[in-house]
């Protein structure tokens, strides 16, 4: 493993790995770093696995032929959540968002999901943080007063949906809204690739093995890294080869699929390199459901109702 400081040279680290013979590299880094790494090894026999960055542009206009994504993108997460909310008939959404680019990116994904699955955003409201309020001696009391006021006066809605990826204010919304409504999005009911309490489809054995090894719970980025390693191993085993081209082609081909403790085998989409996979919908302590939900149909695979489908793709390898 090569760990690079925040201000370190990730490109130099990758080149060192490639020079020492590594051809399949897991990247746990922000989107901008992933793009730099991808471009630095363009044209070489190197395949990168994005195990963290959820930005949709990495699978769209900024896609790269030498990157596969085991991390779900924001569109998949928003679609997974939206399907559950619509299945529950919580179709009127009051959406509150933060001011950061990450928040606006998830807000855009939520807008797309609402339109796609028939939900209505009755109002969008932006939260502007007052620095220090949460940390003052009376912070809890201030928050208790502030959040009801902030959420007051919205048109009638079924669920408050939060876009606050930096967790500036979202965690303070459950149980504090003016109207007694459920909270979902980046707080309350959330969408993710994995949850520490996920136990279906044999996942308990996976959770136990990880806890024995790491002495902690398994979180989404852990799962996303694990499934990348498993995919490489599966491709090498099935091809009976260590050849880069053989493994790379198999991963992207029709014969590849992988049992991944999520109820159906996972595969990579040919149009953008994204791993198609079910999305877990969970509260803070326990999973609640798994999307795609029953009734959301697709001509080829129901899991392709989550995220960017082939006709929508702007990816050009």
Protein backbone atom coordinates (compact mmCIF):
# COMPACT_ATOMS: atom_id res chain seq x y z
CA UNK A 1 0.00 0.00 0.00
CA UNK A 2 1.25 3.47 -0.89
CA UNK A 3 -0.09 6.19 1.41
CA UNK A 4 0.41 9.74 0.14
CA UNK A 5 0.03 12.83 2.37
CA UNK A 6 -2.64 15.36 1.42
CA UNK A 7 0.05 17.68 0.06
CA UNK A 8 2.11 14.81 -1.39
CA UNK A 9 2.73 13.81 -5.00
CA UNK A 10 0.21 11.09 -5.82
CA UNK A 11 1.31 10.93 -9.46
CA UNK A 12 4.90 10.18 -8.45
CA UNK A 13 3.65 7.48 -6.07
CA UNK A 14 1.61 5.86 -8.84
CA UNK A 15 4.52 5.95 -11.25
CA UNK A 16 6.64 4.24 -8.62
CA UNK A 17 4.07 1.47 -8.27
CA UNK A 18 3.88 1.01 -12.03
CA UNK A 19 7.67 0.96 -12.32
CA UNK A 20 7.76 -1.85 -9.75
CA UNK A 21 5.35 -3.93 -11.83
CA UNK A 22 1.90 -3.11 -10.45
CA UNK A 23 -0.78 -3.00 -13.13
CA UNK A 24 -4.02 -2.93 -11.10
CA UNK A 25 -4.20 -0.08 -8.60
CA UNK A 26 -6.95 0.86 -6.14
CA UNK A 27 -7.31 4.63 -5.75
CA UNK A 28 -8.80 6.06 -2.55
CA UNK A 29 -8.65 9.74 -3.46
CA UNK A 30 -10.77 12.77 -4.45
CA UNK A 31 -12.03 13.16 -8.00
CA UNK A 32 -9.40 15.70 -9.09
CA UNK A 33 -6.59 13.42 -7.92
CA UNK A 34 -8.12 10.42 -9.65
CA UNK A 35 -8.20 12.31 -12.96
CA UNK A 36 -4.56 13.35 -12.60
CA UNK A 37 -3.55 9.79 -11.84
CA UNK A 38 -5.53 8.43 -14.77
CA UNK A 39 -4.00 10.91 -17.21
CA UNK A 40 -0.49 10.22 -15.92
CA UNK A 41 -0.65 6.56 -17.01
CA UNK A 42 -2.75 7.01 -20.15
CA UNK A 43 -1.79 4.52 -22.84
CA UNK A 44 0.01 2.21 -20.42
CA UNK A 45 -1.06 -1.24 -19.25
CA UNK A 46 -2.51 0.12 -16.01
CA UNK A 47 -6.08 -0.10 -14.70
CA UNK A 48 -7.23 2.09 -11.82
CA UNK A 49 -10.15 1.26 -9.52
CA UNK A 50 -11.97 4.25 -8.06
CA UNK A 51 -12.99 3.11 -4.57
CA UNK A 52 -14.12 6.46 -3.16
CA UNK A 53 -15.02 9.37 -5.47
CA UNK A 54 -18.81 9.54 -6.16
CA UNK A 55 -18.80 12.46 -8.60
CA UNK A 56 -21.01 11.82 -11.62
CA UNK A 57 -18.69 13.64 -14.03
CA UNK A 58 -16.10 10.87 -13.54
CA UNK A 59 -18.56 8.52 -15.26
CA UNK A 60 -19.79 11.10 -17.77
CA UNK A 61 -17.84 13.79 -19.63
CA UNK A 62 -14.66 13.18 -17.59
CA UNK A 63 -14.70 9.38 -17.86
CA UNK A 64 -11.44 7.57 -18.50
CA UNK A 65 -10.87 4.26 -20.29
CA UNK A 66 -8.31 3.18 -17.68
CA UNK A 67 -10.66 3.60 -14.69
CA UNK A 68 -13.33 1.27 -13.29
CA UNK A 69 -15.57 2.50 -10.49
CA UNK A 70 -16.56 0.27 -7.58
CA UNK A 71 -17.80 3.31 -5.63
CA UNK A 72 -21.39 4.14 -6.62
CA UNK A 73 -21.85 7.64 -7.98
CA UNK A 74 -24.21 10.29 -6.64
CA UNK A 75 -26.78 9.44 -9.32
CA UNK A 76 -26.93 5.80 -8.16
CA UNK A 77 -27.22 6.83 -4.52
CA UNK A 78 -29.93 9.41 -5.24
CA UNK A 79 -31.85 6.96 -7.45
CA UNK A 80 -31.67 4.23 -4.82
CA UNK A 81 -33.02 6.58 -2.17
CA UNK A 82 -35.65 8.05 -4.48
CA UNK A 83 -37.02 4.62 -5.38
CA UNK A 84 -37.54 3.80 -1.73
CA UNK A 85 -39.18 7.15 -0.96
CA UNK A 86 -41.53 6.78 -3.93
CA UNK A 87 -42.26 3.17 -2.96
CA UNK A 88 -43.26 4.50 0.48
CA UNK A 89 -45.42 7.11 -1.28
CA UNK A 90 -43.32 9.90 0.18
CA UNK A 91 -43.43 11.72 -3.12
CA UNK A 92 -43.48 15.35 -1.97
CA UNK A 93 -39.97 16.40 -1.04
CA UNK A 94 -38.80 19.48 0.83
CA UNK A 95 -35.12 19.68 -0.12
CA UNK A 96 -32.55 21.58 1.94
CA UNK A 97 -28.96 21.89 0.77
CA UNK A 98 -25.63 23.32 1.82
CA UNK A 99 -23.55 25.89 0.00
CA UNK A 100 -20.56 23.74 -0.97
CA UNK A 101 -19.96 22.31 -4.47
CA UNK A 102 -20.32 18.78 -3.05
CA UNK A 103 -23.77 19.68 -1.74
CA UNK A 104 -24.85 21.19 -5.05
CA UNK A 105 -23.67 18.09 -6.90
CA UNK A 106 -25.90 15.88 -4.74
CA UNK A 107 -28.74 18.40 -5.09
CA UNK A 108 -28.47 18.03 -8.87
CA UNK A 109 -28.63 14.25 -8.49
CA UNK A 110 -31.74 14.55 -6.30
CA UNK A 111 -33.45 16.78 -8.86
CA UNK A 112 -32.73 14.23 -11.56
CA UNK A 113 -34.04 11.36 -9.42
CA UNK A 114 -37.23 13.20 -8.50
CA UNK A 115 -37.99 13.84 -12.16
CA UNK A 116 -37.06 10.29 -13.14
CA UNK A 117 -39.27 8.52 -10.60
CA UNK A 118 -42.22 10.89 -10.29
CA UNK A 119 -41.48 12.72 -7.04
CA UNK A 120 -42.13 16.44 -6.62
CA UNK A 121 -39.74 18.88 -4.96
CA UNK A 122 -42.16 21.28 -3.29
CA UNK A 123 -39.39 23.67 -2.22
CA UNK A 124 -35.61 23.97 -2.21
CA UNK A 125 -33.98 25.86 0.65
CA UNK A 126 -30.30 26.65 1.23
CA UNK A 127 -28.72 26.53 4.67
CA UNK A 128 -26.04 29.07 5.49
CA UNK A 129 -23.99 28.09 8.52
CA UNK A 130 -23.28 30.38 11.46
CA UNK A 131 -19.71 29.38 12.44
CA UNK A 132 -19.20 28.33 16.03
CA UNK A 133 -22.87 28.01 16.98
CA UNK A 134 -22.68 24.24 17.40
CA UNK A 135 -19.57 24.43 19.57
CA UNK A 136 -20.60 27.16 21.97
CA UNK A 137 -21.68 26.36 25.52
CA UNK A 138 -25.30 26.81 24.51
CA UNK A 139 -24.86 25.20 21.07
CA UNK A 140 -27.36 22.39 21.59
CA UNK A 141 -30.02 24.79 22.78
CA UNK A 142 -29.36 27.12 19.85
CA UNK A 143 -29.62 24.26 17.36
CA UNK A 144 -32.85 23.08 19.00
CA UNK A 145 -34.31 26.52 18.37
CA UNK A 146 -32.67 27.14 15.00
CA UNK A 147 -33.66 24.01 13.07
CA UNK A 148 -37.44 24.31 13.61
CA UNK A 149 -37.28 27.94 12.50
CA UNK A 150 -35.15 27.06 9.46
CA UNK A 151 -37.62 24.37 8.33
CA UNK A 152 -40.76 26.39 9.10
CA UNK A 153 -43.16 27.56 6.42
CA UNK A 154 -42.52 24.94 3.73
CA UNK A 155 -45.41 23.76 1.55
CA UNK A 156 -46.95 20.49 2.68
CA UNK A 157 -44.39 17.72 2.21
CA UNK A 158 -43.88 14.03 3.02
CA UNK A 159 -40.14 13.90 3.66
CA UNK A 160 -37.33 16.38 4.19
CA UNK A 161 -34.40 15.49 1.91
CA UNK A 162 -30.96 16.81 2.83
CA UNK A 163 -27.98 17.55 0.56
CA UNK A 164 -25.17 18.22 3.04
CA UNK A 165 -22.21 16.01 2.17
CA UNK A 166 -19.87 17.88 4.54
CA UNK A 167 -22.30 17.24 7.43
CA UNK A 168 -22.39 20.90 8.40
CA UNK A 169 -26.05 20.97 9.45
CA UNK A 170 -27.75 17.78 8.22
CA UNK A 171 -27.10 15.66 11.33
CA UNK A 172 -28.99 18.24 13.39
CA UNK A 173 -32.22 17.99 11.37
CA UNK A 174 -33.74 14.65 12.50
CA UNK A 175 -36.21 15.19 15.37
CA UNK A 176 -35.84 18.99 15.09
CA UNK A 177 -37.92 19.89 12.02
CA UNK A 178 -40.90 22.23 12.42
CA UNK A 179 -43.27 19.64 10.97
CA UNK A 180 -42.99 16.05 12.22
CA UNK A 181 -41.56 14.46 9.08
CA UNK A 182 -38.90 11.85 8.29
CA UNK A 183 -35.47 13.06 7.17
CA UNK A 184 -33.50 11.44 4.34
CA UNK A 185 -30.58 12.15 2.03
CA UNK A 186 -27.23 12.75 3.69
CA UNK A 187 -28.87 12.56 7.13
CA UNK A 188 -31.49 10.27 8.62
CA UNK A 189 -32.30 7.68 5.96
CA UNK A 190 -29.28 7.42 3.66
CA UNK A 191 -28.18 5.47 0.58
CA UNK A 192 -24.86 3.62 0.55
CA UNK A 193 -22.99 0.68 -0.95
CA UNK A 194 -22.54 -1.08 2.41
CA UNK A 195 -23.62 -0.85 6.04
CA UNK A 196 -21.94 -2.44 9.09
CA UNK A 197 -25.25 -4.05 10.09
CA UNK A 198 -26.03 -5.50 6.63
CA UNK A 199 -26.54 -9.26 7.17
CA UNK A 200 -28.53 -10.54 4.18
CA UNK A 201 -27.25 -12.83 1.42
CA UNK A 202 -24.40 -14.22 3.51
CA UNK A 203 -23.06 -10.78 4.46
CA UNK A 204 -22.74 -11.78 8.13
CA UNK A 205 -19.72 -13.96 7.38
CA UNK A 206 -18.15 -11.07 5.46
CA UNK A 207 -18.75 -8.66 8.34
CA UNK A 208 -17.29 -11.12 10.86
CA UNK A 209 -14.18 -11.78 8.79
CA UNK A 210 -13.53 -8.08 8.34
CA UNK A 211 -13.97 -7.34 12.05
CA UNK A 212 -11.55 -10.10 12.99
CA UNK A 213 -9.01 -8.72 10.53
CA UNK A 214 -9.42 -4.95 10.99
CA UNK A 215 -10.75 -4.80 14.58
CA UNK A 216 -13.50 -2.42 13.45
CA UNK A 217 -16.72 -2.30 11.43
CA UNK A 218 -16.78 -2.43 7.63
CA UNK A 219 -17.88 0.82 5.98
CA UNK A 220 -18.69 1.66 2.34
CA UNK A 221 -15.15 2.54 1.27
CA UNK A 222 -13.91 -0.74 2.80
CA UNK A 223 -16.48 -2.68 0.81
CA UNK A 224 -15.67 -0.76 -2.36
CA UNK A 225 -11.98 -1.61 -1.99
CA UNK A 226 -12.74 -5.25 -1.15
CA UNK A 227 -14.98 -5.73 -4.19
CA UNK A 228 -12.29 -4.23 -6.44
CA UNK A 229 -9.72 -6.73 -5.17
CA UNK A 230 -12.23 -9.56 -5.52
CA UNK A 231 -12.98 -8.50 -9.10
CA UNK A 232 -9.29 -8.62 -10.03
CA UNK A 233 -8.90 -12.02 -8.39
CA UNK A 234 -12.02 -13.39 -10.06
CA UNK A 235 -10.87 -12.22 -13.49
CA UNK A 236 -7.40 -13.70 -13.01
CA UNK A 237 -8.90 -17.00 -11.83
CA UNK A 238 -11.42 -17.24 -14.66
CA UNK A 239 -8.91 -16.39 -17.37
CA UNK A 240 -6.18 -18.50 -15.80
CA UNK A 241 -3.81 -15.71 -16.68
CA UNK A 242 -1.80 -12.89 -15.17
CA UNK A 243 -1.76 -11.04 -18.47
CA UNK A 244 -2.99 -7.46 -18.17
CA UNK A 245 -4.96 -7.43 -21.42
CA UNK A 246 -6.70 -10.73 -20.64
CA UNK A 247 -7.79 -9.61 -17.17
CA UNK A 248 -8.80 -6.12 -18.33
CA UNK A 249 -10.90 -7.50 -21.19
CA UNK A 250 -12.56 -10.10 -18.95
CA UNK A 251 -13.53 -7.50 -16.34
CA UNK A 252 -15.32 -5.47 -19.01
CA UNK A 253 -16.83 -8.43 -20.86
CA UNK A 254 -20.14 -10.27 -20.74
CA UNK A 255 -18.73 -13.29 -18.90
CA UNK A 256 -17.65 -11.37 -15.81
CA UNK A 257 -19.90 -11.33 -12.75
CA UNK A 258 -19.14 -11.46 -9.07
CA UNK A 259 -21.09 -12.58 -6.01
CA UNK A 260 -20.78 -9.66 -3.62
CA UNK A 261 -23.19 -10.28 -0.70
CA UNK A 262 -25.89 -8.00 -2.13
CA UNK A 263 -28.49 -10.38 -3.49
CA UNK A 264 -27.33 -10.35 -7.09
CA UNK A 265 -24.02 -10.53 -8.87
CA UNK A 266 -22.25 -7.29 -9.71
CA UNK A 267 -20.83 -6.38 -13.12
CA UNK A 268 -19.26 -3.37 -14.83
CA UNK A 269 -21.20 -1.18 -17.24
CA UNK A 270 -19.58 -1.08 -20.65
CA UNK A 271 -20.57 2.53 -21.32
CA UNK A 272 -18.80 4.15 -18.36
CA UNK A 273 -16.95 1.56 -16.26
CA UNK A 274 -19.31 1.88 -13.30
CA UNK A 275 -19.98 -1.24 -11.25
CA UNK A 276 -23.71 -1.89 -11.30
CA UNK A 277 -24.80 -2.92 -7.84
CA UNK A 278 -27.77 -2.74 -5.46
CA UNK A 279 -27.84 0.21 -3.07
CA UNK A 280 -28.53 -0.21 0.64
CA UNK A 281 -30.99 2.22 2.23
CA UNK A 282 -30.26 2.56 5.93
CA UNK A 283 -30.85 4.52 9.07
CA UNK A 284 -28.03 5.29 11.50
CA UNK A 285 -28.11 1.82 13.07
CA UNK A 286 -29.75 -0.64 10.68
CA UNK A 287 -30.48 -1.20 6.98
CA UNK A 288 -34.08 -0.48 6.04
CA UNK A 289 -34.25 -1.70 2.45
CA UNK A 290 -32.24 -2.38 -0.70
CA UNK A 291 -32.79 -0.76 -4.08
CA UNK A 292 -33.73 -1.29 -6.86
CA UNK A 293 -37.22 -1.52 -5.43
CA UNK A 294 -39.89 -3.86 -6.75
CA UNK A 295 -41.86 -2.34 -9.59
CA UNK A 296 -39.08 -0.20 -11.06
CA UNK A 297 -38.50 -2.01 -14.32
CA UNK A 298 -35.76 -1.94 -16.94
CA UNK A 299 -35.60 -3.61 -20.34
CA UNK A 300 -32.27 -5.30 -19.56
CA UNK A 301 -31.48 -5.27 -15.82
CA UNK A 302 -33.42 -3.67 -12.97
CA UNK A 303 -30.18 -2.58 -11.32
CA UNK A 304 -29.71 -0.27 -14.33
CA UNK A 305 -32.58 1.82 -13.00
CA UNK A 306 -29.91 3.12 -10.61
CA UNK A 307 -27.56 5.74 -12.02
CA UNK A 308 -26.66 6.74 -15.56
CA UNK A 309 -28.15 4.35 -18.11
CA UNK A 310 -26.61 3.81 -21.55
CA UNK A 311 -28.94 6.22 -23.45
CA UNK A 312 -28.05 9.01 -20.98
CA UNK A 313 -24.31 8.43 -21.05
CA UNK A 314 -21.98 11.21 -22.18
CA UNK A 315 -18.92 9.03 -21.69
CA UNK A 316 -16.69 8.65 -24.72
CA UNK A 317 -13.68 6.43 -24.06
